[in-house]
């Protein structure tokens, strides 16, 4: 594969992701769907980005208590 072809593939992958990136997005979408469906707190809707593992650095959340975890799942 020439360097020109490699660069073309990199550009194509930015326009039309394939492989692990697509798999991760599909799994994150499924996780968000199930979490939002099962959650009793409809004001705290989760997005797909909340479940993307390769997302850019996120702020650290404090650890939840047992009671808060029970409240999340009703």
N, C-alpha and C. Protein backbone atom coordinates (compact mmCIF):
# COMPACT_ATOMS: atom_id res chain seq x y z
N UNK A 1 0.85 -1.17 0.00
CA UNK A 1 0.00 0.00 0.00
C UNK A 1 0.90 1.24 0.00
N UNK A 2 0.62 2.13 -0.90
CA UNK A 2 1.43 3.34 -0.98
C UNK A 2 1.00 4.34 0.10
N UNK A 3 1.84 5.34 0.33
CA UNK A 3 1.50 6.35 1.34
C UNK A 3 0.27 7.15 0.90
N UNK A 4 0.11 7.35 -0.39
CA UNK A 4 -1.07 8.06 -0.90
C UNK A 4 -2.34 7.28 -0.60
N UNK A 5 -2.31 5.98 -0.84
CA UNK A 5 -3.48 5.15 -0.53
C UNK A 5 -3.78 5.16 0.95
N UNK A 6 -2.75 5.09 1.77
CA UNK A 6 -2.94 5.10 3.22
C UNK A 6 -3.61 6.40 3.67
N UNK A 7 -3.17 7.51 3.15
CA UNK A 7 -3.77 8.81 3.50
C UNK A 7 -5.22 8.86 3.03
N UNK A 8 -5.50 8.32 1.84
CA UNK A 8 -6.87 8.28 1.35
C UNK A 8 -7.76 7.44 2.27
N UNK A 9 -7.24 6.32 2.76
CA UNK A 9 -8.01 5.48 3.69
C UNK A 9 -8.26 6.20 5.01
N UNK A 10 -7.26 6.95 5.48
CA UNK A 10 -7.45 7.72 6.70
C UNK A 10 -8.55 8.77 6.52
N UNK A 11 -8.54 9.44 5.39
CA UNK A 11 -9.56 10.45 5.11
C UNK A 11 -10.94 9.80 4.98
N UNK A 12 -11.00 8.65 4.34
CA UNK A 12 -12.26 7.93 4.21
C UNK A 12 -12.80 7.51 5.58
N UNK A 13 -11.90 7.06 6.45
CA UNK A 13 -12.32 6.63 7.79
C UNK A 13 -12.88 7.78 8.60
N UNK A 14 -12.42 9.00 8.36
CA UNK A 14 -12.98 10.15 9.05
C UNK A 14 -14.40 10.45 8.57
N UNK A 15 -14.65 10.22 7.28
CA UNK A 15 -15.99 10.46 6.73
C UNK A 15 -16.95 9.32 7.04
N UNK A 16 -16.48 8.11 6.90
CA UNK A 16 -17.28 6.90 7.10
C UNK A 16 -16.56 5.96 8.05
N UNK A 17 -16.71 6.15 9.36
CA UNK A 17 -16.00 5.28 10.31
C UNK A 17 -16.37 3.81 10.11
N UNK A 18 -15.43 2.94 10.37
CA UNK A 18 -15.66 1.51 10.26
C UNK A 18 -14.88 0.80 11.35
N UNK A 19 -15.18 -0.45 11.56
CA UNK A 19 -14.44 -1.25 12.53
C UNK A 19 -14.84 -0.95 13.96
N UNK A 20 -13.85 -0.85 14.82
CA UNK A 20 -14.08 -0.72 16.26
C UNK A 20 -14.82 0.56 16.62
N UNK A 21 -14.61 1.65 15.88
CA UNK A 21 -15.31 2.90 16.19
C UNK A 21 -16.82 2.74 16.03
N UNK A 22 -17.23 2.08 14.97
CA UNK A 22 -18.66 1.87 14.74
C UNK A 22 -19.23 0.92 15.79
N UNK A 23 -18.49 -0.13 16.09
CA UNK A 23 -18.94 -1.08 17.11
C UNK A 23 -19.13 -0.39 18.45
N UNK A 24 -18.18 0.46 18.82
CA UNK A 24 -18.29 1.16 20.09
C UNK A 24 -19.51 2.08 20.12
N UNK A 25 -19.75 2.79 19.03
CA UNK A 25 -20.90 3.69 18.96
C UNK A 25 -22.21 2.90 19.08
N UNK A 26 -22.31 1.79 18.37
CA UNK A 26 -23.53 0.98 18.43
C UNK A 26 -23.77 0.43 19.83
N UNK A 27 -22.73 -0.02 20.49
CA UNK A 27 -22.87 -0.53 21.85
C UNK A 27 -23.24 0.59 22.82
N UNK A 28 -22.65 1.76 22.65
CA UNK A 28 -22.98 2.91 23.51
C UNK A 28 -24.43 3.33 23.31
N UNK A 29 -24.91 3.29 22.07
CA UNK A 29 -26.31 3.63 21.80
C UNK A 29 -27.25 2.63 22.47
N UNK A 30 -26.90 1.36 22.43
CA UNK A 30 -27.71 0.34 23.09
C UNK A 30 -27.72 0.53 24.61
N UNK A 31 -26.55 0.82 25.17
CA UNK A 31 -26.47 1.05 26.62
C UNK A 31 -27.32 2.25 27.03
N UNK A 32 -27.26 3.34 26.27
CA UNK A 32 -28.04 4.53 26.58
C UNK A 32 -29.54 4.23 26.48
N UNK A 33 -29.92 3.48 25.46
CA UNK A 33 -31.33 3.13 25.28
C UNK A 33 -31.86 2.32 26.45
N UNK A 34 -31.13 1.29 26.85
CA UNK A 34 -31.57 0.42 27.95
C UNK A 34 -31.58 1.19 29.27
N UNK A 35 -30.54 1.98 29.51
CA UNK A 35 -30.47 2.75 30.76
C UNK A 35 -31.61 3.74 30.86
N UNK A 36 -31.90 4.46 29.79
CA UNK A 36 -32.98 5.44 29.81
C UNK A 36 -34.35 4.77 29.94
N UNK A 37 -34.49 3.59 29.35
CA UNK A 37 -35.76 2.86 29.43
C UNK A 37 -36.01 2.37 30.86
N UNK A 38 -34.98 1.86 31.51
CA UNK A 38 -35.14 1.28 32.84
C UNK A 38 -35.06 2.30 33.97
N UNK A 39 -34.62 3.50 33.68
CA UNK A 39 -34.46 4.52 34.72
C UNK A 39 -35.81 5.10 35.11
N UNK A 40 -35.99 5.27 36.42
CA UNK A 40 -37.23 5.90 36.89
C UNK A 40 -37.09 7.42 36.93
N UNK A 41 -35.86 7.92 36.81
CA UNK A 41 -35.60 9.35 36.83
C UNK A 41 -35.55 9.86 35.40
N UNK A 42 -36.68 10.33 34.88
CA UNK A 42 -36.75 10.74 33.47
C UNK A 42 -36.13 12.12 33.22
N UNK A 43 -35.76 12.84 34.27
CA UNK A 43 -35.10 14.13 34.07
C UNK A 43 -33.61 13.95 33.79
N UNK A 44 -33.04 12.82 34.19
CA UNK A 44 -31.61 12.57 34.03
C UNK A 44 -31.40 11.61 32.86
N UNK A 45 -31.70 12.06 31.65
CA UNK A 45 -31.57 11.23 30.47
C UNK A 45 -30.09 11.13 30.08
N UNK A 46 -29.63 9.94 29.83
CA UNK A 46 -28.24 9.69 29.42
C UNK A 46 -28.13 9.76 27.91
N UNK A 47 -27.01 10.26 27.43
CA UNK A 47 -26.78 10.32 25.99
C UNK A 47 -25.79 9.23 25.58
N UNK A 48 -25.65 9.05 24.30
CA UNK A 48 -24.71 8.06 23.78
C UNK A 48 -23.29 8.39 24.24
N UNK A 49 -22.96 9.67 24.28
CA UNK A 49 -21.60 10.07 24.68
C UNK A 49 -21.27 9.67 26.11
N UNK A 50 -22.28 9.52 26.95
CA UNK A 50 -22.04 9.09 28.33
C UNK A 50 -21.49 7.67 28.39
N UNK A 51 -21.70 6.89 27.35
CA UNK A 51 -21.30 5.49 27.34
C UNK A 51 -20.17 5.20 26.36
N UNK A 52 -19.63 6.22 25.71
CA UNK A 52 -18.52 6.03 24.80
C UNK A 52 -17.23 5.88 25.61
N UNK A 53 -16.56 4.77 25.46
CA UNK A 53 -15.35 4.50 26.22
C UNK A 53 -14.17 5.32 25.74
N UNK A 54 -14.15 5.65 24.47
CA UNK A 54 -13.01 6.39 23.92
C UNK A 54 -13.22 7.89 23.97
N UNK A 55 -14.24 8.33 24.68
CA UNK A 55 -14.52 9.77 24.76
C UNK A 55 -13.35 10.49 25.42
N UNK A 56 -13.25 11.73 25.11
CA UNK A 56 -12.18 12.55 25.68
C UNK A 56 -12.40 12.67 27.18
N UNK A 57 -11.36 13.01 27.88
CA UNK A 57 -11.35 13.10 29.33
C UNK A 57 -12.66 13.66 29.91
N UNK A 58 -13.19 12.98 30.89
CA UNK A 58 -14.43 13.40 31.55
C UNK A 58 -14.11 13.85 32.96
N UNK A 59 -14.90 14.76 33.49
CA UNK A 59 -14.69 15.14 34.89
C UNK A 59 -15.03 13.96 35.80
N UNK A 60 -14.28 13.81 36.87
CA UNK A 60 -14.53 12.71 37.78
C UNK A 60 -15.75 12.99 38.63
N UNK A 61 -16.58 11.98 38.76
CA UNK A 61 -17.76 12.10 39.61
C UNK A 61 -17.44 11.50 40.97
N UNK A 62 -18.13 12.01 41.97
CA UNK A 62 -17.93 11.44 43.30
C UNK A 62 -18.60 10.07 43.35
N UNK A 63 -18.14 9.24 44.23
CA UNK A 63 -18.70 7.90 44.38
C UNK A 63 -20.11 8.00 44.95
N UNK A 64 -21.03 7.23 44.39
CA UNK A 64 -22.42 7.26 44.84
C UNK A 64 -22.61 6.33 46.04
N UNK A 65 -23.53 6.73 46.89
CA UNK A 65 -23.86 5.88 48.04
C UNK A 65 -24.81 4.78 47.57
N UNK A 66 -25.00 3.79 48.39
CA UNK A 66 -25.90 2.69 48.06
C UNK A 66 -27.32 3.21 47.82
N UNK A 67 -27.75 4.15 48.65
CA UNK A 67 -29.10 4.70 48.51
C UNK A 67 -29.26 5.42 47.17
N UNK A 68 -28.23 6.15 46.74
CA UNK A 68 -28.31 6.85 45.46
C UNK A 68 -28.37 5.86 44.30
N UNK A 69 -27.65 4.77 44.43
CA UNK A 69 -27.69 3.75 43.38
C UNK A 69 -29.08 3.12 43.31
N UNK A 70 -29.68 2.82 44.44
CA UNK A 70 -31.04 2.26 44.44
C UNK A 70 -32.03 3.26 43.83
N UNK A 71 -31.85 4.55 44.07
CA UNK A 71 -32.74 5.57 43.51
C UNK A 71 -32.61 5.63 41.99
N UNK A 72 -31.42 5.40 41.45
CA UNK A 72 -31.23 5.42 40.01
C UNK A 72 -32.06 4.37 39.30
N UNK A 73 -32.20 3.22 39.92
CA UNK A 73 -32.89 2.11 39.28
C UNK A 73 -34.28 1.86 39.84
N UNK A 74 -34.77 2.80 40.63
CA UNK A 74 -36.14 2.76 41.13
C UNK A 74 -36.35 1.66 42.09
